Amino acid sequence: MGDPSASPAPPEGLIIDLVTPLTGDGSLDIAGLERLVARVLPAADGLLAGSPMAGEALDLPLSTRLELFTFLLPLVGGRVPIFFGTTGETLEETQKCSAWVREEVRRQRYDGSLFLADAPLWYHSNRGLPQACQALLAETQLPLILLNLPRVVRQRQVTFKHLNLRTQVFKKLAALPGVQGLIYQGEMRRFLHYHHAAAARPGFAFYETEETRFLSRPGAWGVVSGGAQLLPRAWQEVTRACLHPEDAADDPPRRFALWDLGNRLQQVSHFCQNHPAPLWKQVLAAQGVLSSPAAAPGAVPANPDTVEKLLEVLAGFAD
């Protein structure tokens, strides 16, 4: 570890957003985590863990998230980059979590590619945010991926709080050498404004979280997908085709097969739009990947009929 701006570039392609496996009593399901990582790793270009989305990190004790990181490092073993969510309830908690991650990397002598992933609007306003991020980078010496997650921020139910990074603020954030990319949720128009604001950083990574939008209008860098846990090889195939359509340009049967597979993934993504993390966990538990479908406290479980129908749809895939 040293200068975060000198770290390897963020990966292009499929970043799989992992659920946090839990046992029935709420503790980390270590055996389930092992099976989940083994399932998705061959198809992933990177893994996102401890996120506020699939990872339910903001609804779990910080100790559970840190335990997740401890066990995740040897399971991944440097084979793909890890994005790890360090967002806390306050700036101080985020700094504490990020510093702990840095020390755990040193303790395990982990030399794989690692990026902090932070949704700063959860605990900080747009005002003064570039300075706060700069201080975080200086303290941890780890590269940072920002998360713009308006639907997550809305859960704080603060009426005056901005749900999105302001474009001018984002421009300053993107100018910080240690900030390597953005995981984006929201309107396409704002997404394009962010691209323009980061024009001076051609290597700046933009990841789409809207699975259905990526499948129809793929972004330039890649997708962050929780649904890829259910069908990792199918998502790998379609993501590569979306980002490199020229590979099948002279093969009409191949293009049709990819188009059909993309449409079927669209169908699966539509199933997961409401309460996705509990639904993914229920499906993964039914498939024997997780030991339990337990979700974060207060999470609304998916309708059993929805789980059954989704399992029927998934049975039609070769994944």
Protein backbone atom coordinates (compact mmCIF):
# COMPACT_ATOMS: atom_id res chain seq x y z
CA MET A 1 0.00 0.00 0.00
CA GLY A 2 1.11 3.52 -0.73
CA ASP A 3 -0.12 6.13 -3.15
CA PRO A 4 -3.74 5.09 -4.03
CA SER A 5 -3.45 6.82 -7.40
CA ALA A 6 -0.70 4.36 -8.35
CA SER A 7 -2.90 1.29 -7.80
CA PRO A 8 -4.05 -0.90 -10.73
CA ALA A 9 -7.00 0.45 -12.71
CA PRO A 10 -10.47 -0.78 -11.70
CA PRO A 11 -11.58 -3.85 -13.64
CA GLU A 12 -13.79 -3.66 -16.69
CA GLY A 13 -16.80 -5.95 -16.94
CA LEU A 14 -18.97 -7.81 -14.44
CA ILE A 15 -18.73 -6.80 -10.78
CA ILE A 16 -20.87 -9.19 -8.73
CA ASP A 17 -22.51 -7.57 -5.69
CA LEU A 18 -22.50 -10.25 -2.99
CA VAL A 19 -25.17 -10.80 -0.37
CA THR A 20 -23.92 -11.13 3.20
CA PRO A 21 -24.74 -14.73 4.18
CA LEU A 22 -26.24 -15.02 7.64
CA THR A 23 -27.24 -17.88 9.89
CA GLY A 24 -30.63 -18.03 11.59
CA ASP A 25 -29.24 -16.25 14.67
CA GLY A 26 -27.84 -13.37 12.58
CA SER A 27 -24.17 -14.35 12.67
CA LEU A 28 -22.04 -14.67 9.54
CA ASP A 29 -22.67 -17.86 7.56
CA ILE A 30 -19.05 -18.72 6.82
CA ALA A 31 -19.78 -21.99 5.00
CA GLY A 32 -22.37 -20.20 2.87
CA LEU A 33 -19.86 -17.46 2.05
CA GLU A 34 -17.35 -20.08 0.92
CA ARG A 35 -19.90 -21.71 -1.39
CA LEU A 36 -21.09 -18.36 -2.74
CA VAL A 37 -17.58 -17.14 -3.57
CA ALA A 38 -16.72 -20.47 -5.20
CA ARG A 39 -19.88 -20.20 -7.30
CA VAL A 40 -19.37 -16.66 -8.62
CA LEU A 41 -15.60 -16.25 -8.73
CA PRO A 42 -14.99 -17.95 -12.10
CA ALA A 43 -17.45 -15.58 -13.82
CA ALA A 44 -16.60 -12.31 -12.04
CA ASP A 45 -14.27 -9.54 -13.13
CA GLY A 46 -14.55 -8.17 -9.58
CA LEU A 47 -16.53 -8.67 -6.38
CA LEU A 48 -18.37 -6.05 -4.33
CA ALA A 49 -18.92 -7.06 -0.70
CA GLY A 50 -20.35 -5.20 2.28
CA SER A 51 -22.38 -2.94 0.01
CA PRO A 52 -25.54 -1.05 1.02
CA MET A 53 -27.36 -2.93 -1.77
CA ALA A 54 -27.02 -6.72 -1.95
CA GLY A 55 -24.77 -6.71 1.10
CA GLU A 56 -27.37 -4.98 3.36
CA ALA A 57 -24.35 -3.49 5.14
CA LEU A 58 -26.11 -0.44 6.57
CA ASP A 59 -28.64 -2.70 8.30
CA LEU A 60 -26.09 -5.04 9.85
CA PRO A 61 -23.71 -4.58 12.80
CA LEU A 62 -20.34 -3.20 11.76
CA SER A 63 -18.72 -6.21 13.43
CA THR A 64 -20.48 -8.52 10.96
CA ARG A 65 -19.16 -6.53 8.02
CA LEU A 66 -15.61 -6.62 9.36
CA GLU A 67 -15.85 -10.36 9.93
CA LEU A 68 -17.06 -10.71 6.34
CA PHE A 69 -13.93 -8.92 5.11
CA THR A 70 -11.65 -11.09 7.25
CA PHE A 71 -12.98 -14.32 5.72
CA LEU A 72 -13.40 -12.93 2.21
CA LEU A 73 -9.72 -12.13 1.60
CA PRO A 74 -8.38 -15.70 1.71
CA LEU A 75 -11.38 -17.00 -0.25
CA VAL A 76 -10.68 -14.59 -3.10
CA GLY A 77 -6.92 -14.93 -2.81
CA GLY A 78 -6.18 -12.06 -5.18
CA ARG A 79 -7.82 -13.77 -8.16
CA VAL A 80 -10.11 -10.79 -8.87
CA PRO A 81 -10.28 -7.25 -7.46
CA ILE A 82 -12.38 -6.70 -4.36
CA PHE A 83 -14.55 -3.64 -3.80
CA PHE A 84 -15.41 -3.44 -0.10
CA GLY A 85 -18.08 -1.19 1.37
CA THR A 86 -16.90 0.94 4.29
CA THR A 87 -19.83 3.39 4.59
CA GLY A 88 -20.79 4.04 8.21
CA GLU A 89 -23.44 6.07 9.97
CA THR A 90 -21.02 8.98 10.34
CA LEU A 91 -17.82 10.20 8.73
CA GLU A 92 -15.90 9.05 11.80
CA GLU A 93 -17.36 5.53 11.59
CA THR A 94 -16.52 5.37 7.89
CA GLN A 95 -12.94 6.43 8.61
CA LYS A 96 -12.72 3.83 11.39
CA CYS A 97 -14.01 1.06 9.12
CA SER A 98 -11.68 2.08 6.28
CA ALA A 99 -8.68 2.18 8.62
CA TRP A 100 -9.59 -1.27 9.96
CA VAL A 101 -9.72 -2.62 6.39
CA ARG A 102 -6.25 -1.20 5.75
CA GLU A 103 -4.86 -2.87 8.87
CA GLU A 104 -6.52 -6.21 8.07
CA VAL A 105 -4.94 -6.14 4.62
CA ARG A 106 -1.58 -5.63 6.28
CA ARG A 107 -2.23 -8.32 8.89
CA GLN A 108 -3.11 -10.92 6.25
CA ARG A 109 -0.39 -9.63 3.90
CA TYR A 110 -2.98 -9.52 1.18
CA ASP A 111 -1.50 -8.37 -2.12
CA GLY A 112 -4.60 -8.57 -4.32
CA SER A 113 -6.28 -5.56 -5.87
CA LEU A 114 -8.58 -3.82 -3.38
CA PHE A 115 -10.81 -0.74 -3.56
CA LEU A 116 -12.79 0.93 -0.81
CA ALA A 117 -16.41 1.50 -1.85
CA ASP A 118 -18.22 4.38 -0.13
CA ALA A 119 -21.66 5.98 -0.44
CA PRO A 120 -20.71 9.32 1.16
CA LEU A 121 -24.13 10.98 0.96
CA TRP A 122 -25.37 8.52 3.56
CA TYR A 123 -23.44 10.37 6.26
CA HIS A 124 -22.21 13.60 4.63
CA SER A 125 -23.69 16.45 2.62
CA ASN A 126 -22.35 17.60 -0.74
CA ARG A 127 -20.82 20.61 1.02
CA GLY A 128 -17.20 19.89 1.91
CA LEU A 129 -17.34 16.37 0.50
CA PRO A 130 -14.19 16.59 -1.68
CA GLN A 131 -12.17 17.61 1.37
CA ALA A 132 -13.60 14.74 3.42
CA CYS A 133 -12.78 12.22 0.67
CA GLN A 134 -9.28 13.63 0.33
CA ALA A 135 -8.71 13.16 4.06
CA LEU A 136 -10.02 9.58 3.84
CA LEU A 137 -7.65 8.80 0.97
CA ALA A 138 -4.69 10.29 2.83
CA GLU A 139 -5.45 8.23 5.93
CA THR A 140 -6.05 4.82 4.31
CA GLN A 141 -3.73 4.97 1.27
CA LEU A 142 -6.28 2.79 -0.56
CA PRO A 143 -8.07 3.68 -3.83
CA LEU A 144 -11.71 4.70 -3.54
CA ILE A 145 -14.80 3.89 -5.61
CA LEU A 146 -17.73 6.23 -4.92
CA LEU A 147 -21.33 5.06 -4.81
CA ASN A 148 -24.18 7.33 -5.92
CA LEU A 149 -27.25 5.53 -4.56
CA PRO A 150 -30.31 7.82 -4.32
CA ARG A 151 -32.71 5.01 -3.40
CA VAL A 152 -30.45 4.02 -0.52
CA VAL A 153 -29.96 7.61 0.69
CA ARG A 154 -33.74 8.14 0.62
CA GLN A 155 -34.04 5.57 3.42
CA ARG A 156 -32.57 8.14 5.83
CA GLN A 157 -35.84 10.06 5.43
CA VAL A 158 -34.17 13.46 5.77
CA THR A 159 -36.31 15.76 3.64
CA PHE A 160 -33.61 18.35 2.94
CA LYS A 161 -30.89 15.82 2.12
CA HIS A 162 -29.65 15.66 -1.48
CA LEU A 163 -30.04 12.16 -2.87
CA ASN A 164 -27.37 12.52 -5.55
CA LEU A 165 -23.87 13.89 -5.79
CA ARG A 166 -24.07 17.34 -7.34
CA THR A 167 -22.35 17.43 -10.70
CA GLN A 168 -19.92 20.20 -9.71
CA VAL A 169 -19.08 18.35 -6.50
CA PHE A 170 -18.57 15.14 -8.43
CA LYS A 171 -16.23 16.96 -10.82
CA LYS A 172 -14.01 17.87 -7.85
CA LEU A 173 -14.20 14.33 -6.49
CA ALA A 174 -13.25 12.84 -9.85
CA ALA A 175 -10.21 15.11 -9.94
CA LEU A 176 -8.80 13.45 -6.80
CA PRO A 177 -6.20 10.94 -8.04
CA GLY A 178 -7.17 8.31 -5.47
CA VAL A 179 -10.83 8.30 -6.53
CA GLN A 180 -10.89 5.65 -9.24
CA GLY A 181 -14.53 5.29 -10.24
CA LEU A 182 -18.26 5.58 -9.58
CA ILE A 183 -20.97 2.98 -9.04
CA TYR A 184 -24.14 4.67 -10.22
CA GLN A 185 -27.86 4.29 -9.58
CA GLY A 186 -30.41 6.76 -10.94
CA GLU A 187 -31.42 8.69 -14.02
CA MET A 188 -29.48 8.31 -17.25
CA ARG A 189 -29.30 12.07 -17.77
CA ARG A 190 -27.37 12.58 -14.53
CA PHE A 191 -25.16 9.62 -15.40
CA LEU A 192 -24.20 11.37 -18.65
CA HIS A 193 -23.52 14.62 -16.77
CA TYR A 194 -21.11 12.72 -14.51
CA HIS A 195 -19.34 11.26 -17.54
CA HIS A 196 -18.85 14.77 -18.90
CA ALA A 197 -17.61 16.03 -15.51
CA ALA A 198 -14.92 13.32 -15.45
CA ALA A 199 -13.80 13.88 -19.05
CA ALA A 200 -10.30 14.80 -17.87
CA ARG A 201 -9.93 11.28 -16.39
CA PRO A 202 -10.27 8.85 -19.35
CA GLY A 203 -9.45 5.90 -17.08
CA PHE A 204 -12.17 6.78 -14.57
CA ALA A 205 -14.50 3.77 -14.19
CA PHE A 206 -18.28 4.11 -14.41
CA TYR A 207 -20.36 1.13 -13.32
CA GLU A 208 -24.10 0.80 -13.90
CA THR A 209 -26.25 -0.78 -11.16
CA GLU A 210 -29.52 -0.82 -13.11
CA GLU A 211 -29.34 -4.32 -14.56
CA THR A 212 -32.19 -3.95 -17.03
CA ARG A 213 -30.75 -0.68 -18.36
CA PHE A 214 -27.29 -2.14 -18.76
CA LEU A 215 -28.70 -5.08 -20.71
CA SER A 216 -30.41 -2.73 -23.15
CA ARG A 217 -27.94 0.20 -23.09
CA PRO A 218 -24.59 -1.03 -21.73
CA GLY A 219 -22.21 1.48 -20.19
CA ALA A 220 -18.62 1.95 -21.22
CA TRP A 221 -16.98 0.20 -18.25
CA GLY A 222 -19.23 -2.41 -16.71
CA VAL A 223 -22.12 -3.38 -14.47
CA VAL A 224 -22.50 -4.02 -10.74
CA SER A 225 -25.01 -6.86 -10.50
CA GLY A 226 -26.50 -8.64 -7.50
CA GLY A 227 -28.61 -10.80 -9.79
CA ALA A 228 -25.42 -12.28 -11.24
CA GLN A 229 -25.14 -14.40 -8.08
CA LEU A 230 -28.04 -16.44 -9.42
CA LEU A 231 -26.69 -16.87 -12.95
CA PRO A 232 -22.98 -16.00 -12.92
CA ARG A 233 -21.96 -17.65 -16.21
CA ALA A 234 -24.92 -16.24 -18.14
CA TRP A 235 -24.17 -12.75 -16.81
CA GLN A 236 -20.50 -13.14 -17.68
CA GLU A 237 -21.35 -14.10 -21.25
CA VAL A 238 -23.82 -11.28 -21.81
CA THR A 239 -21.67 -8.63 -20.10
CA ARG A 240 -18.71 -9.43 -22.31
CA ALA A 241 -20.94 -9.31 -25.38
CA CYS A 242 -22.41 -5.96 -24.30
CA LEU A 243 -18.98 -4.41 -23.82
CA HIS A 244 -17.40 -6.04 -26.87
CA PRO A 245 -20.16 -6.51 -29.50
CA GLU A 246 -17.55 -6.71 -32.24
CA ASP A 247 -16.63 -10.23 -31.06
CA ALA A 248 -19.89 -11.61 -32.47
CA ALA A 249 -20.31 -9.14 -35.34
CA ASP A 250 -19.72 -11.76 -38.05
CA ASP A 251 -21.63 -14.58 -36.36
CA PRO A 252 -25.44 -14.09 -36.73
CA PRO A 253 -26.40 -17.29 -34.83
CA ARG A 254 -24.14 -16.21 -31.97
CA ARG A 255 -25.67 -12.72 -31.96
CA PHE A 256 -29.17 -14.18 -31.81
CA ALA A 257 -28.23 -16.52 -28.96
CA LEU A 258 -26.77 -13.60 -26.98
CA TRP A 259 -29.85 -11.47 -27.69
CA ASP A 260 -32.10 -14.29 -26.42
CA LEU A 261 -29.95 -14.79 -23.32
CA GLY A 262 -30.02 -11.06 -22.60
CA ASN A 263 -33.83 -11.02 -22.83
CA ARG A 264 -34.06 -13.92 -20.41
CA LEU A 265 -31.76 -12.13 -17.96
CA GLN A 266 -34.06 -9.11 -18.27
CA GLN A 267 -36.92 -11.32 -17.14
CA VAL A 268 -34.96 -12.48 -14.11
CA SER A 269 -33.98 -8.90 -13.24
CA HIS A 270 -37.62 -7.79 -13.28
CA PHE A 271 -38.40 -10.45 -10.64
CA CYS A 272 -35.76 -8.93 -8.35
CA GLN A 273 -36.77 -5.26 -8.45
CA ASN A 274 -38.64 -5.39 -5.11
CA HIS A 275 -36.71 -6.46 -1.99
CA PRO A 276 -33.85 -7.92 -4.07
CA ALA A 277 -31.48 -8.92 -1.25
CA PRO A 278 -34.03 -11.06 0.66
CA LEU A 279 -35.19 -12.61 -2.62
CA TRP A 280 -31.64 -13.44 -3.73
CA LYS A 281 -30.97 -15.00 -0.33
CA GLN A 282 -34.13 -17.09 -0.41
CA VAL A 283 -33.26 -18.39 -3.86
CA LEU A 284 -29.62 -19.07 -2.99
CA ALA A 285 -30.70 -20.92 0.15
CA ALA A 286 -33.20 -22.99 -1.87
CA GLN A 287 -30.35 -23.88 -4.25
CA GLY A 288 -28.16 -25.00 -1.34
CA VAL A 289 -25.60 -22.21 -1.72
CA LEU A 290 -26.48 -20.43 1.53
CA SER A 291 -27.16 -22.27 4.76
CA SER A 292 -30.07 -19.96 5.56
CA PRO A 293 -32.20 -17.31 3.81
CA ALA A 294 -31.78 -15.00 6.83
CA ALA A 295 -31.72 -11.32 5.89
CA ALA A 296 -30.83 -8.16 7.81
CA PRO A 297 -33.15 -7.19 10.68
CA GLY A 298 -36.30 -5.50 9.43
CA ALA A 299 -35.92 -6.74 5.84
CA VAL A 300 -39.18 -7.71 4.15
CA PRO A 301 -39.02 -11.29 2.88
CA ALA A 302 -40.01 -12.00 -0.69
CA ASN A 303 -43.40 -13.52 -1.44
CA PRO A 304 -43.07 -17.35 -1.50
CA ASP A 305 -44.90 -17.44 -4.84
CA THR A 306 -42.29 -15.06 -6.29
CA VAL A 307 -39.47 -17.26 -5.01
CA GLU A 308 -41.09 -20.35 -6.52
CA LYS A 309 -41.68 -18.67 -9.89
CA LEU A 310 -38.13 -17.33 -10.00
CA LEU A 311 -36.71 -20.78 -9.23
CA GLU A 312 -38.74 -22.14 -12.14
CA VAL A 313 -37.33 -19.47 -14.46
CA LEU A 314 -33.77 -20.15 -13.28
CA ALA A 315 -34.21 -23.88 -13.92
CA GLY A 316 -34.42 -23.08 -17.62
CA PHE A 317 -30.84 -21.79 -17.69
CA ALA A 318 -27.78 -23.93 -18.16
CA ASP A 319 -25.88 -21.97 -15.47
